[in-house]
Every structure is written in C-alpha cells, then in structure tokens.
C-alpha cells in the first residue's frame, strides 16, 4: 500500500527559454509594411475621389 522512499513524479526536461518570434530584419520589414498600409489607407479615399471627379469631368 505504501511505497518506500516516497512518490516521485516522472522526470520532465527543463522548459526551454522562449525563442524570439521574429528576427530584427523581419520586425523592421513588418513595421515598414504596416506604415505603408496606413499611409495608403489615408491616401486611397483622396485618390478615389480624384478618379471619380476625373470620370465626371470626362462625362460632361
């Protein structure tokens, strides 16, 4: 009924230190992509309005 020496859990390896998800170059590339997308997000409505005005001017 009792185990001599006490109960010991099975051996588990020590946890690995967390690995970085992105390298420095990948992080810079991602930041540039996000910045370009935000810039285009604000410029697209202006460009779209310009194209609409150009089409309306051609139709007159």
N, C-alpha and C. Protein backbone atom coordinates (compact mmCIF):
# COMPACT_ATOMS: atom_id res chain seq x y z
N UNK A 1 0.80 -1.18 0.00
CA UNK A 1 0.00 0.00 0.00
C UNK A 1 0.85 1.26 0.00
N UNK A 2 1.91 1.31 0.76
CA UNK A 2 2.80 2.46 0.79
C UNK A 2 4.07 2.13 0.03
N UNK A 3 4.59 3.10 -0.69
CA UNK A 3 5.82 2.91 -1.44
C UNK A 3 6.96 3.46 -0.60
N UNK A 4 7.99 2.65 -0.46
CA UNK A 4 9.13 3.12 0.32
C UNK A 4 9.91 4.15 -0.48
N UNK A 5 10.39 5.18 0.17
CA UNK A 5 11.14 6.23 -0.50
C UNK A 5 10.25 7.35 -1.01
N UNK A 6 8.99 7.21 -0.87
CA UNK A 6 8.08 8.26 -1.29
C UNK A 6 7.82 8.23 -2.79
N UNK A 7 6.81 8.95 -3.17
CA UNK A 7 6.44 9.00 -4.60
C UNK A 7 7.16 10.15 -5.26
N UNK A 8 7.72 9.90 -6.42
CA UNK A 8 8.37 10.96 -7.20
C UNK A 8 7.73 11.01 -8.57
N UNK A 9 7.41 12.22 -9.05
CA UNK A 9 6.82 12.31 -10.39
C UNK A 9 7.85 11.92 -11.45
N UNK A 10 7.35 11.56 -12.62
CA UNK A 10 8.25 11.21 -13.71
C UNK A 10 9.09 12.42 -14.09
N UNK A 11 10.29 12.16 -14.62
CA UNK A 11 11.22 13.24 -14.95
C UNK A 11 10.72 14.02 -16.14
N UNK A 12 10.81 15.33 -16.06
CA UNK A 12 10.46 16.21 -17.17
C UNK A 12 11.66 17.09 -17.47
N UNK A 13 11.95 17.30 -18.76
CA UNK A 13 13.09 18.18 -19.08
C UNK A 13 12.77 19.61 -18.67
N UNK A 14 13.82 20.39 -18.40
CA UNK A 14 13.57 21.79 -18.02
C UNK A 14 12.96 22.55 -19.20
N UNK A 15 12.11 23.53 -18.92
CA UNK A 15 11.48 24.28 -20.02
C UNK A 15 12.52 25.07 -20.81
N UNK A 16 12.30 25.16 -22.11
CA UNK A 16 13.22 25.91 -22.97
C UNK A 16 12.95 27.41 -22.81
N UNK A 17 14.01 28.21 -22.93
CA UNK A 17 13.77 29.67 -22.89
C UNK A 17 12.98 30.08 -24.13
N UNK A 18 12.13 31.08 -24.01
CA UNK A 18 11.31 31.48 -25.16
C UNK A 18 12.18 31.98 -26.32
N UNK A 19 11.83 31.52 -27.50
CA UNK A 19 12.54 31.93 -28.71
C UNK A 19 11.90 33.21 -29.25
N UNK A 20 12.70 34.13 -29.79
CA UNK A 20 12.08 35.31 -30.40
C UNK A 20 11.25 34.89 -31.61
N UNK A 21 10.11 35.50 -31.76
CA UNK A 21 9.22 35.12 -32.85
C UNK A 21 9.70 35.67 -34.19
N UNK A 22 10.26 36.87 -34.17
CA UNK A 22 10.74 37.50 -35.39
C UNK A 22 12.18 37.96 -35.20
N UNK A 23 12.94 37.91 -36.28
CA UNK A 23 14.28 38.46 -36.21
C UNK A 23 14.19 39.98 -36.35
N UNK A 24 15.29 40.65 -36.14
CA UNK A 24 15.30 42.11 -36.26
C UNK A 24 14.92 42.57 -37.65
N UNK A 25 15.43 41.88 -38.65
CA UNK A 25 15.11 42.26 -40.03
C UNK A 25 13.63 42.04 -40.32
N UNK A 26 13.08 40.95 -39.83
CA UNK A 26 11.65 40.67 -40.04
C UNK A 26 10.79 41.72 -39.34
N UNK A 27 11.20 42.14 -38.15
CA UNK A 27 10.44 43.17 -37.44
C UNK A 27 10.45 44.49 -38.21
N UNK A 28 11.62 44.90 -38.72
CA UNK A 28 11.70 46.14 -39.49
C UNK A 28 10.84 46.06 -40.75
N UNK A 29 10.89 44.92 -41.43
CA UNK A 29 10.09 44.74 -42.63
C UNK A 29 8.60 44.83 -42.30
N UNK A 30 8.20 44.21 -41.21
CA UNK A 30 6.80 44.24 -40.81
C UNK A 30 6.36 45.67 -40.46
N UNK A 31 7.22 46.42 -39.78
CA UNK A 31 6.89 47.81 -39.44
C UNK A 31 6.73 48.64 -40.71
N UNK A 32 7.62 48.45 -41.69
CA UNK A 32 7.51 49.19 -42.95
C UNK A 32 6.23 48.85 -43.69
N UNK A 33 5.88 47.57 -43.71
CA UNK A 33 4.65 47.16 -44.39
C UNK A 33 3.44 47.81 -43.72
N UNK A 34 3.43 47.82 -42.39
CA UNK A 34 2.30 48.42 -41.67
C UNK A 34 2.24 49.93 -41.94
N UNK A 35 3.40 50.61 -41.93
CA UNK A 35 3.42 52.05 -42.20
C UNK A 35 2.92 52.37 -43.61
N UNK A 36 3.35 51.60 -44.60
CA UNK A 36 2.89 51.83 -45.97
C UNK A 36 1.39 51.60 -46.07
N UNK A 37 0.89 50.56 -45.42
CA UNK A 37 -0.55 50.30 -45.45
C UNK A 37 -1.35 51.41 -44.79
N UNK A 38 -0.86 51.93 -43.68
CA UNK A 38 -1.57 53.04 -43.01
C UNK A 38 -1.54 54.28 -43.90
N UNK A 39 -0.40 54.55 -44.52
CA UNK A 39 -0.30 55.69 -45.42
C UNK A 39 -1.28 55.54 -46.59
N UNK A 40 -1.33 54.37 -47.18
CA UNK A 40 -2.25 54.13 -48.29
C UNK A 40 -3.70 54.17 -47.82
N UNK A 41 -3.94 53.79 -46.57
CA UNK A 41 -5.29 53.80 -46.02
C UNK A 41 -5.84 55.24 -46.01
N UNK A 42 -4.96 56.20 -45.73
CA UNK A 42 -5.39 57.60 -45.73
C UNK A 42 -5.37 58.22 -47.12
N UNK A 43 -4.50 57.74 -48.00
CA UNK A 43 -4.40 58.31 -49.33
C UNK A 43 -5.46 57.75 -50.29
N UNK A 44 -5.92 56.54 -50.07
CA UNK A 44 -6.85 55.90 -51.01
C UNK A 44 -8.15 56.68 -51.18
N UNK A 45 -8.77 57.18 -50.13
CA UNK A 45 -10.01 57.95 -50.34
C UNK A 45 -9.77 59.21 -51.17
N UNK A 46 -8.63 59.84 -50.98
CA UNK A 46 -8.31 61.04 -51.76
C UNK A 46 -8.12 60.66 -53.22
N UNK A 47 -7.37 59.59 -53.46
CA UNK A 47 -7.15 59.13 -54.82
C UNK A 47 -8.44 58.67 -55.47
N UNK A 48 -9.29 58.00 -54.71
CA UNK A 48 -10.58 57.56 -55.24
C UNK A 48 -11.46 58.73 -55.61
N UNK A 49 -11.47 59.75 -54.76
CA UNK A 49 -12.28 60.94 -55.05
C UNK A 49 -11.75 61.66 -56.28
N UNK A 50 -10.43 61.69 -56.45
CA UNK A 50 -9.84 62.32 -57.63
C UNK A 50 -10.25 61.58 -58.90
N UNK A 51 -10.23 60.26 -58.86
CA UNK A 51 -10.62 59.47 -60.02
C UNK A 51 -12.10 59.66 -60.35
N UNK A 52 -12.92 59.72 -59.31
CA UNK A 52 -14.35 59.95 -59.54
C UNK A 52 -14.58 61.31 -60.19
N UNK A 53 -13.87 62.34 -59.69
CA UNK A 53 -14.01 63.67 -60.27
C UNK A 53 -13.50 63.69 -61.72
N UNK A 54 -12.45 62.94 -62.00
CA UNK A 54 -11.92 62.89 -63.37
C UNK A 54 -12.93 62.22 -64.31
N UNK A 55 -13.56 61.14 -63.84
CA UNK A 55 -14.57 60.45 -64.67
C UNK A 55 -15.76 61.37 -64.90
N UNK A 56 -16.20 62.08 -63.86
CA UNK A 56 -17.32 63.00 -64.01
C UNK A 56 -16.97 64.15 -64.97
N UNK A 57 -15.74 64.62 -64.92
CA UNK A 57 -15.32 65.69 -65.83
C UNK A 57 -15.29 65.21 -67.27
N UNK A 58 -14.90 63.95 -67.49
CA UNK A 58 -14.89 63.40 -68.84
C UNK A 58 -16.30 63.21 -69.40
N UNK A 59 -17.26 62.96 -68.53
CA UNK A 59 -18.63 62.71 -68.96
C UNK A 59 -19.35 64.02 -69.33
N UNK A 60 -18.86 65.14 -68.88
CA UNK A 60 -19.52 66.41 -69.16
C UNK A 60 -19.30 66.88 -70.55
